[in-house]
Amino acid sequence: MPLATEITLPKEVRPEFPDKCISCHSKPDSEIKIIQNSSNPLLAFFIPLIMLFGCSRVKVPICRKCKKGFLLQRWSREIILIIIALVVVFFVSPYFGEWSSLSKKLAVGGIALVAIIPIIIVEFIWPRVFSTTAWANSVEYEFAERDYALEFYKLNEEKVIQSDVDDV
Protein backbone atom coordinates (compact mmCIF):
# COMPACT_ATOMS: atom_id res chain seq x y z
CA MET A 1 0.00 0.00 0.00
CA PRO A 2 1.49 3.37 -1.00
CA LEU A 3 2.06 5.95 1.68
CA ALA A 4 0.40 8.68 -0.40
CA THR A 5 -3.36 9.23 -0.39
CA GLU A 6 -4.86 9.01 -3.87
CA ILE A 7 -8.09 10.50 -5.12
CA THR A 8 -9.23 9.80 -8.69
CA LEU A 9 -11.38 12.20 -10.67
CA PRO A 10 -12.61 12.06 -14.27
CA LYS A 11 -10.10 13.62 -16.66
CA GLU A 12 -12.46 16.38 -17.84
CA VAL A 13 -13.15 17.61 -14.27
CA ARG A 14 -11.33 20.72 -13.09
CA PRO A 15 -10.58 19.92 -9.43
CA GLU A 16 -11.09 22.30 -6.53
CA PHE A 17 -8.23 22.59 -4.05
CA PRO A 18 -8.43 23.76 -0.43
CA ASP A 19 -7.43 27.38 0.09
CA LYS A 20 -4.09 26.22 1.53
CA CYS A 21 -0.57 25.89 0.21
CA ILE A 22 -0.09 22.33 -1.06
CA SER A 23 3.23 22.18 0.79
CA CYS A 24 3.06 24.09 4.10
CA HIS A 25 -0.76 24.51 4.37
CA SER A 26 -0.57 28.26 4.99
CA LYS A 27 -2.64 30.78 3.02
CA PRO A 28 -1.39 30.52 -0.60
CA ASP A 29 -0.17 33.65 -2.36
CA SER A 30 0.60 31.97 -5.67
CA GLU A 31 -0.19 28.93 -7.75
CA ILE A 32 1.73 26.42 -9.78
CA LYS A 33 0.69 24.62 -12.94
CA ILE A 34 1.25 20.87 -12.98
CA ILE A 35 1.41 19.22 -16.39
CA GLN A 36 -0.12 15.76 -16.46
CA ASN A 37 0.38 13.37 -19.33
CA SER A 38 -1.94 10.46 -20.05
CA SER A 39 0.52 8.60 -22.30
CA ASN A 40 1.29 5.02 -21.38
CA PRO A 41 4.53 5.29 -19.32
CA LEU A 42 5.93 2.01 -20.62
CA LEU A 43 5.20 2.96 -24.23
CA ALA A 44 6.67 6.44 -23.61
CA PHE A 45 9.85 4.79 -22.27
CA PHE A 46 10.42 3.12 -25.64
CA ILE A 47 9.03 5.99 -27.76
CA PRO A 48 9.74 9.26 -25.86
CA LEU A 49 8.06 11.46 -28.51
CA ILE A 50 4.70 10.13 -27.35
CA MET A 51 5.11 12.26 -24.19
CA LEU A 52 4.40 15.37 -26.30
CA PHE A 53 0.76 14.34 -26.74
CA GLY A 54 -2.10 13.92 -24.28
CA CYS A 55 -1.04 16.66 -21.82
CA SER A 56 -3.34 18.67 -19.59
CA ARG A 57 -2.67 21.14 -16.78
CA VAL A 58 -3.99 21.68 -13.30
CA LYS A 59 -3.44 24.80 -11.15
CA VAL A 60 -2.43 24.07 -7.58
CA PRO A 61 -2.34 26.65 -4.74
CA ILE A 62 1.11 27.20 -3.24
CA CYS A 63 2.92 29.98 -1.41
CA ARG A 64 5.93 31.63 -3.03
CA LYS A 65 8.37 30.41 -0.35
CA CYS A 66 7.41 26.75 -0.98
CA LYS A 67 7.51 26.94 -4.79
CA LYS A 68 11.27 26.37 -5.17
CA GLY A 69 11.31 23.34 -2.87
CA PHE A 70 8.23 21.89 -4.54
CA LEU A 71 9.74 22.26 -8.01
CA LEU A 72 13.08 20.90 -6.82
CA GLN A 73 11.41 17.80 -5.37
CA ARG A 74 9.25 17.33 -8.45
CA TRP A 75 11.96 17.75 -11.08
CA SER A 76 14.98 16.33 -9.27
CA ARG A 77 13.36 12.90 -9.05
CA GLU A 78 12.35 13.05 -12.72
CA ILE A 79 15.83 14.15 -13.79
CA ILE A 80 17.57 11.48 -11.69
CA LEU A 81 15.27 8.83 -13.16
CA ILE A 82 16.02 9.97 -16.72
CA ILE A 83 19.77 10.17 -16.07
CA ILE A 84 19.86 6.64 -14.61
CA ALA A 85 17.90 5.27 -17.57
CA LEU A 86 20.09 7.09 -20.13
CA VAL A 87 23.34 6.00 -18.45
CA VAL A 88 22.17 2.39 -18.42
CA VAL A 89 21.07 2.58 -22.06
CA PHE A 90 24.37 4.20 -23.09
CA PHE A 91 26.59 1.70 -21.28
CA VAL A 92 24.54 -1.46 -21.83
CA SER A 93 23.51 -1.01 -25.50
CA PRO A 94 26.94 -1.95 -26.97
CA TYR A 95 26.66 -5.42 -25.38
CA PHE A 96 23.56 -6.09 -27.48
CA GLY A 97 24.96 -4.87 -30.82
CA GLU A 98 24.28 -8.09 -32.74
CA TRP A 99 20.68 -8.42 -31.53
CA SER A 100 17.66 -7.41 -33.64
CA SER A 101 16.33 -3.92 -33.04
CA LEU A 102 13.25 -5.03 -31.09
CA SER A 103 15.13 -7.58 -28.99
CA LYS A 104 17.81 -5.03 -28.19
CA LYS A 105 15.22 -2.42 -27.14
CA LEU A 106 13.41 -4.91 -24.92
CA ALA A 107 16.60 -6.18 -23.27
CA VAL A 108 18.09 -2.72 -22.67
CA GLY A 109 14.69 -1.35 -21.58
CA GLY A 110 14.30 -4.23 -19.12
CA ILE A 111 17.75 -3.57 -17.64
CA ALA A 112 16.96 0.16 -17.40
CA LEU A 113 13.69 -0.62 -15.62
CA VAL A 114 15.57 -2.77 -13.10
CA ALA A 115 18.08 0.06 -12.62
CA ILE A 116 15.34 2.55 -11.68
CA ILE A 117 13.81 0.31 -9.01
CA PRO A 118 15.53 2.36 -6.24
CA ILE A 119 13.75 5.51 -7.49
CA ILE A 120 10.44 3.65 -7.48
CA ILE A 121 11.09 2.55 -3.88
CA VAL A 122 11.90 6.15 -2.88
CA GLU A 123 8.65 7.33 -4.51
CA PHE A 124 6.74 4.70 -2.59
CA ILE A 125 8.31 5.30 0.84
CA TRP A 126 8.69 9.10 0.60
CA PRO A 127 5.94 10.29 -1.73
CA ARG A 128 6.07 13.75 -3.22
CA VAL A 129 4.05 16.44 -1.48
CA PHE A 130 1.69 16.36 -4.45
CA SER A 131 1.71 14.49 -7.71
CA THR A 132 -0.66 13.46 -10.45
CA THR A 133 -0.96 10.44 -12.68
CA ALA A 134 -3.13 10.87 -15.74
CA TRP A 135 -4.87 7.95 -17.41
CA ALA A 136 -6.99 7.83 -20.54
CA ASN A 137 -10.23 8.84 -18.75
CA SER A 138 -9.15 9.86 -15.24
CA VAL A 139 -6.49 11.61 -13.18
CA GLU A 140 -5.14 10.36 -9.85
CA TYR A 141 -4.27 13.17 -7.43
CA GLU A 142 -1.70 11.90 -4.96
CA PHE A 143 -1.11 13.68 -1.64
CA ALA A 144 1.59 13.00 0.94
CA GLU A 145 -0.56 14.71 3.62
CA ARG A 146 -3.72 12.74 4.38
CA ASP A 147 -5.50 15.73 5.98
CA TYR A 148 -5.01 17.85 2.86
CA ALA A 149 -6.24 14.93 0.75
CA LEU A 150 -9.36 14.68 2.92
CA GLU A 151 -10.13 18.38 2.38
CA PHE A 152 -9.56 17.93 -1.37
CA TYR A 153 -11.88 14.91 -1.29
CA LYS A 154 -14.65 16.87 0.45
CA LEU A 155 -14.42 19.71 -2.10
CA ASN A 156 -14.64 17.26 -5.02
CA GLU A 157 -16.74 14.54 -3.38
CA GLU A 158 -19.52 14.39 -5.99
CA LYS A 159 -16.97 13.96 -8.81
CA VAL A 160 -14.73 11.31 -7.19
CA ILE A 161 -14.37 8.01 -9.04
CA GLN A 162 -12.13 6.25 -6.50
CA SER A 163 -10.33 7.23 -3.30
CA ASP A 164 -7.97 6.00 -0.59
CA VAL A 165 -9.81 8.23 1.85
CA ASP A 166 -12.01 6.17 4.15
CA ASP A 167 -14.21 7.07 7.11
CA VAL A 168 -15.49 10.20 5.38
C-alpha atoms as a PDB file:
ATOM      1  CA  MET A   1       0.000   0.000   0.000  1.00  0.00           C
ATOM      2  CA  PRO A   2       1.491   3.367  -1.004  1.00  0.00           C
ATOM      3  CA  LEU A   3       2.057   5.952   1.680  1.00  0.00           C
ATOM      4  CA  ALA A   4       0.403   8.677  -0.403  1.00  0.00           C
ATOM      5  CA  THR A   5      -3.357   9.229  -0.385  1.00  0.00           C
ATOM      6  CA  GLU A   6      -4.863   9.007  -3.866  1.00  0.00           C
ATOM      7  CA  ILE A   7      -8.095  10.499  -5.122  1.00  0.00           C
ATOM      8  CA  THR A   8      -9.226   9.797  -8.687  1.00  0.00           C
ATOM      9  CA  LEU A   9     -11.382  12.201 -10.670  1.00  0.00           C
ATOM     10  CA  PRO A  10     -12.613  12.063 -14.271  1.00  0.00           C
ATOM     11  CA  LYS A  11     -10.100  13.624 -16.661  1.00  0.00           C
ATOM     12  CA  GLU A  12     -12.458  16.375 -17.837  1.00  0.00           C
ATOM     13  CA  VAL A  13     -13.150  17.614 -14.268  1.00  0.00           C
ATOM     14  CA  ARG A  14     -11.325  20.717 -13.087  1.00  0.00           C
ATOM     15  CA  PRO A  15     -10.580  19.920  -9.430  1.00  0.00           C
ATOM     16  CA  GLU A  16     -11.093  22.299  -6.534  1.00  0.00           C
ATOM     17  CA  PHE A  17      -8.229  22.592  -4.048  1.00  0.00           C
ATOM     18  CA  PRO A  18      -8.429  23.762  -0.432  1.00  0.00           C
ATOM     19  CA  ASP A  19      -7.433  27.380   0.092  1.00  0.00           C
ATOM     20  CA  LYS A  20      -4.091  26.217   1.528  1.00  0.00           C
ATOM     21  CA  CYS A  21      -0.570  25.892   0.208  1.00  0.00           C
ATOM     22  CA  ILE A  22      -0.088  22.335  -1.056  1.00  0.00           C
ATOM     23  CA  SER A  23       3.232  22.180   0.793  1.00  0.00           C
ATOM     24  CA  CYS A  24       3.060  24.090   4.103  1.00  0.00           C
ATOM     25  CA  HIS A  25      -0.759  24.511   4.369  1.00  0.00           C
ATOM     26  CA  SER A  26      -0.574  28.261   4.994  1.00  0.00           C
ATOM     27  CA  LYS A  27      -2.641  30.781   3.018  1.00  0.00           C
ATOM     28  CA  PRO A  28      -1.388  30.517  -0.603  1.00  0.00           C
ATOM     29  CA  ASP A  29      -0.166  33.652  -2.365  1.00  0.00           C
ATOM     30  CA  SER A  30       0.597  31.972  -5.667  1.00  0.00           C
ATOM     31  CA  GLU A  31      -0.195  28.927  -7.748  1.00  0.00           C
ATOM     32  CA  ILE A  32       1.733  26.417  -9.776  1.00  0.00           C
ATOM     33  CA  LYS A  33       0.693  24.616 -12.944  1.00  0.00           C
ATOM     34  CA  ILE A  34       1.246  20.870 -12.979  1.00  0.00           C
ATOM     35  CA  ILE A  35       1.411  19.224 -16.387  1.00  0.00           C
ATOM     36  CA  GLN A  36      -0.116  15.763 -16.464  1.00  0.00           C
ATOM     37  CA  ASN A  37       0.385  13.368 -19.328  1.00  0.00           C
ATOM     38  CA  SER A  38      -1.936  10.458 -20.051  1.00  0.00           C
ATOM     39  CA  SER A  39       0.518   8.602 -22.300  1.00  0.00           C
ATOM     40  CA  ASN A  40       1.287   5.022 -21.383  1.00  0.00           C
ATOM     41  CA  PRO A  41       4.533   5.294 -19.323  1.00  0.00           C
ATOM     42  CA  LEU A  42       5.927   2.005 -20.617  1.00  0.00           C
ATOM     43  CA  LEU A  43       5.201   2.956 -24.226  1.00  0.00           C
ATOM     44  CA  ALA A  44       6.666   6.437 -23.607  1.00  0.00           C
ATOM     45  CA  PHE A  45       9.851   4.792 -22.271  1.00  0.00           C
ATOM     46  CA  PHE A  46      10.422   3.118 -25.643  1.00  0.00           C
ATOM     47  CA  ILE A  47       9.029   5.990 -27.765  1.00  0.00           C
ATOM     48  CA  PRO A  48       9.735   9.257 -25.862  1.00  0.00           C
ATOM     49  CA  LEU A  49       8.060  11.462 -28.507  1.00  0.00           C
ATOM     50  CA  ILE A  50       4.700  10.126 -27.345  1.00  0.00           C
ATOM     51  CA  MET A  51       5.108  12.262 -24.188  1.00  0.00           C
ATOM     52  CA  LEU A  52       4.399  15.370 -26.302  1.00  0.00           C
ATOM     53  CA  PHE A  53       0.758  14.336 -26.738  1.00  0.00           C
ATOM     54  CA  GLY A  54      -2.102  13.915 -24.276  1.00  0.00           C
ATOM     55  CA  CYS A  55      -1.040  16.660 -21.824  1.00  0.00           C
ATOM     56  CA  SER A  56      -3.344  18.674 -19.594  1.00  0.00           C
ATOM     57  CA  ARG A  57      -2.668  21.142 -16.784  1.00  0.00           C
ATOM     58  CA  VAL A  58      -3.988  21.682 -13.304  1.00  0.00           C
ATOM     59  CA  LYS A  59      -3.440  24.803 -11.153  1.00  0.00           C
ATOM     60  CA  VAL A  60      -2.429  24.066  -7.576  1.00  0.00           C
ATOM     61  CA  PRO A  61      -2.338  26.653  -4.739  1.00  0.00           C
ATOM     62  CA  ILE A  62       1.109  27.199  -3.237  1.00  0.00           C
ATOM     63  CA  CYS A  63       2.921  29.976  -1.409  1.00  0.00           C
ATOM     64  CA  ARG A  64       5.932  31.625  -3.027  1.00  0.00           C
ATOM     65  CA  LYS A  65       8.370  30.408  -0.352  1.00  0.00           C
ATOM     66  CA  CYS A  66       7.410  26.751  -0.983  1.00  0.00           C
ATOM     67  CA  LYS A  67       7.508  26.944  -4.789  1.00  0.00           C
ATOM     68  CA  LYS A  68      11.266  26.365  -5.168  1.00  0.00           C
ATOM     69  CA  GLY A  69      11.309  23.344  -2.873  1.00  0.00           C
ATOM     70  CA  PHE A  70       8.229  21.889  -4.542  1.00  0.00           C
ATOM     71  CA  LEU A  71       9.737  22.256  -8.013  1.00  0.00           C
ATOM     72  CA  LEU A  72      13.079  20.900  -6.818  1.00  0.00           C
ATOM     73  CA  GLN A  73      11.405  17.798  -5.368  1.00  0.00           C
ATOM     74  CA  ARG A  74       9.249  17.327  -8.447  1.00  0.00           C
ATOM     75  CA  TRP A  75      11.957  17.750 -11.080  1.00  0.00           C
ATOM     76  CA  SER A  76      14.983  16.329  -9.270  1.00  0.00           C
ATOM     77  CA  ARG A  77      13.357  12.898  -9.051  1.00  0.00           C
ATOM     78  CA  GLU A  78      12.350  13.052 -12.715  1.00  0.00           C
ATOM     79  CA  ILE A  79      15.830  14.146 -13.792  1.00  0.00           C
ATOM     80  CA  ILE A  80      17.571  11.483 -11.686  1.00  0.00           C
ATOM     81  CA  LEU A  81      15.274   8.831 -13.156  1.00  0.00           C
ATOM     82  CA  ILE A  82      16.018   9.973 -16.723  1.00  0.00           C
ATOM     83  CA  ILE A  83      19.770  10.169 -16.070  1.00  0.00           C
ATOM     84  CA  ILE A  84      19.864   6.640 -14.611  1.00  0.00           C
ATOM     85  CA  ALA A  85      17.896   5.273 -17.571  1.00  0.00           C
ATOM     86  CA  LEU A  86      20.093   7.091 -20.129  1.00  0.00           C
ATOM     87  CA  VAL A  87      23.342   6.001 -18.453  1.00  0.00           C
ATOM     88  CA  VAL A  88      22.173   2.394 -18.423  1.00  0.00           C
ATOM     89  CA  VAL A  89      21.072   2.585 -22.064  1.00  0.00           C
ATOM     90  CA  PHE A  90      24.370   4.200 -23.090  1.00  0.00           C
ATOM     91  CA  PHE A  91      26.593   1.700 -21.281  1.00  0.00           C
ATOM     92  CA  VAL A  92      24.535  -1.462 -21.835  1.00  0.00           C
ATOM     93  CA  SER A  93      23.514  -1.010 -25.504  1.00  0.00           C
ATOM     94  CA  PRO A  94      26.941  -1.955 -26.968  1.00  0.00           C
ATOM     95  CA  TYR A  95      26.662  -5.420 -25.381  1.00  0.00           C
ATOM     96  CA  PHE A  96      23.563  -6.095 -27.483  1.00  0.00           C
ATOM     97  CA  GLY A  97      24.960  -4.868 -30.816  1.00  0.00           C
ATOM     98  CA  GLU A  98      24.277  -8.090 -32.742  1.00  0.00           C
ATOM     99  CA  TRP A  99      20.680  -8.417 -31.532  1.00  0.00           C
ATOM    100  CA  SER A 100      17.663  -7.415 -33.635  1.00  0.00           C
ATOM    101  CA  SER A 101      16.335  -3.915 -33.041  1.00  0.00           C
ATOM    102  CA  LEU A 102      13.253  -5.031 -31.087  1.00  0.00           C
ATOM    103  CA  SER A 103      15.131  -7.584 -28.986  1.00  0.00           C
ATOM    104  CA  LYS A 104      17.815  -5.026 -28.191  1.00  0.00           C
ATOM    105  CA  LYS A 105      15.215  -2.420 -27.136  1.00  0.00           C
ATOM    106  CA  LEU A 106      13.407  -4.911 -24.921  1.00  0.00           C
ATOM    107  CA  ALA A 107      16.602  -6.181 -23.268  1.00  0.00           C
ATOM    108  CA  VAL A 108      18.088  -2.720 -22.673  1.00  0.00           C
ATOM    109  CA  GLY A 109      14.686  -1.353 -21.585  1.00  0.00           C
ATOM    110  CA  GLY A 110      14.300  -4.227 -19.117  1.00  0.00           C
ATOM    111  CA  ILE A 111      17.749  -3.575 -17.639  1.00  0.00           C
ATOM    112  CA  ALA A 112      16.965   0.165 -17.403  1.00  0.00           C
ATOM    113  CA  LEU A 113      13.687  -0.624 -15.616  1.00  0.00           C
ATOM    114  CA  VAL A 114      15.567  -2.770 -13.103  1.00  0.00           C
ATOM    115  CA  ALA A 115      18.077   0.065 -12.616  1.00  0.00           C
ATOM    116  CA  ILE A 116      15.335   2.554 -11.677  1.00  0.00           C
ATOM    117  CA  ILE A 117      13.808   0.314  -9.011  1.00  0.00           C
ATOM    118  CA  PRO A 118      15.532   2.362  -6.235  1.00  0.00           C
ATOM    119  CA  ILE A 119      13.751   5.511  -7.491  1.00  0.00           C
ATOM    120  CA  ILE A 120      10.443   3.647  -7.477  1.00  0.00           C
ATOM    121  CA  ILE A 121      11.088   2.553  -3.884  1.00  0.00           C
ATOM    122  CA  VAL A 122      11.902   6.155  -2.875  1.00  0.00           C
ATOM    123  CA  GLU A 123       8.653   7.330  -4.510  1.00  0.00           C
ATOM    124  CA  PHE A 124       6.739   4.695  -2.590  1.00  0.00           C
ATOM    125  CA  ILE A 125       8.310   5.295   0.837  1.00  0.00           C
ATOM    126  CA  TRP A 126       8.694   9.103   0.597  1.00  0.00           C
ATOM    127  CA  PRO A 127       5.943  10.285  -1.726  1.00  0.00           C
ATOM    128  CA  ARG A 128       6.068  13.745  -3.216  1.00  0.00           C
ATOM    129  CA  VAL A 129       4.048  16.443  -1.482  1.00  0.00           C
ATOM    130  CA  PHE A 130       1.685  16.355  -4.446  1.00  0.00           C
ATOM    131  CA  SER A 131       1.705  14.494  -7.710  1.00  0.00           C
ATOM    132  CA  THR A 132      -0.665  13.464 -10.447  1.00  0.00           C
ATOM    133  CA  THR A 133      -0.956  10.437 -12.675  1.00  0.00           C
ATOM    134  CA  ALA A 134      -3.133  10.867 -15.737  1.00  0.00           C
ATOM    135  CA  TRP A 135      -4.867   7.950 -17.406  1.00  0.00           C
ATOM    136  CA  ALA A 136      -6.994   7.832 -20.539  1.00  0.00           C
ATOM    137  CA  ASN A 137     -10.230   8.838 -18.748  1.00  0.00           C
ATOM    138  CA  SER A 138      -9.154   9.863 -15.243  1.00  0.00           C
ATOM    139  CA  VAL A 139      -6.489  11.608 -13.179  1.00  0.00           C
ATOM    140  CA  GLU A 140      -5.135  10.363  -9.849  1.00  0.00           C
ATOM    141  CA  TYR A 141      -4.272  13.173  -7.433  1.00  0.00           C
ATOM    142  CA  GLU A 142      -1.696  11.903  -4.956  1.00  0.00           C
ATOM    143  CA  PHE A 143      -1.109  13.683  -1.639  1.00  0.00           C
ATOM    144  CA  ALA A 144       1.588  12.999   0.938  1.00  0.00           C
ATOM    145  CA  GLU A 145      -0.560  14.715   3.619  1.00  0.00           C
ATOM    146  CA  ARG A 146      -3.716  12.740   4.385  1.00  0.00           C
ATOM    147  CA  ASP A 147      -5.499  15.734   5.977  1.00  0.00           C
ATOM    148  CA  TYR A 148      -5.007  17.850   2.858  1.00  0.00           C
ATOM    149  CA  ALA A 149      -6.245  14.926   0.750  1.00  0.00           C
ATOM    150  CA  LEU A 150      -9.363  14.676   2.920  1.00  0.00           C
ATOM    151  CA  GLU A 151     -10.131  18.383   2.376  1.00  0.00           C
ATOM    152  CA  PHE A 152      -9.557  17.929  -1.372  1.00  0.00           C
ATOM    153  CA  TYR A 153     -11.880  14.913  -1.287  1.00  0.00           C
ATOM    154  CA  LYS A 154     -14.646  16.869   0.452  1.00  0.00           C
ATOM    155  CA  LEU A 155     -14.418  19.705  -2.098  1.00  0.00           C
ATOM    156  CA  ASN A 156     -14.639  17.264  -5.017  1.00  0.00           C
ATOM    157  CA  GLU A 157     -16.741  14.537  -3.385  1.00  0.00           C
ATOM    158  CA  GLU A 158     -19.520  14.388  -5.985  1.00  0.00           C
ATOM    159  CA  LYS A 159     -16.969  13.962  -8.805  1.00  0.00           C
ATOM    160  CA  VAL A 160     -14.726  11.309  -7.194  1.00  0.00           C
ATOM    161  CA  ILE A 161     -14.371   8.005  -9.039  1.00  0.00           C
ATOM    162  CA  GLN A 162     -12.134   6.253  -6.495  1.00  0.00           C
ATOM    163  CA  SER A 163     -10.329   7.226  -3.304  1.00  0.00           C
ATOM    164  CA  ASP A 164      -7.970   5.997  -0.595  1.00  0.00           C
ATOM    165  CA  VAL A 165      -9.809   8.232   1.851  1.00  0.00           C
ATOM    166  CA  ASP A 166     -12.009   6.174   4.151  1.00  0.00           C
ATOM    167  CA  ASP A 167     -14.213   7.072   7.108  1.00  0.00           C
ATOM    168  CA  VAL A 168     -15.485  10.200   5.375  1.00  0.00           C
END
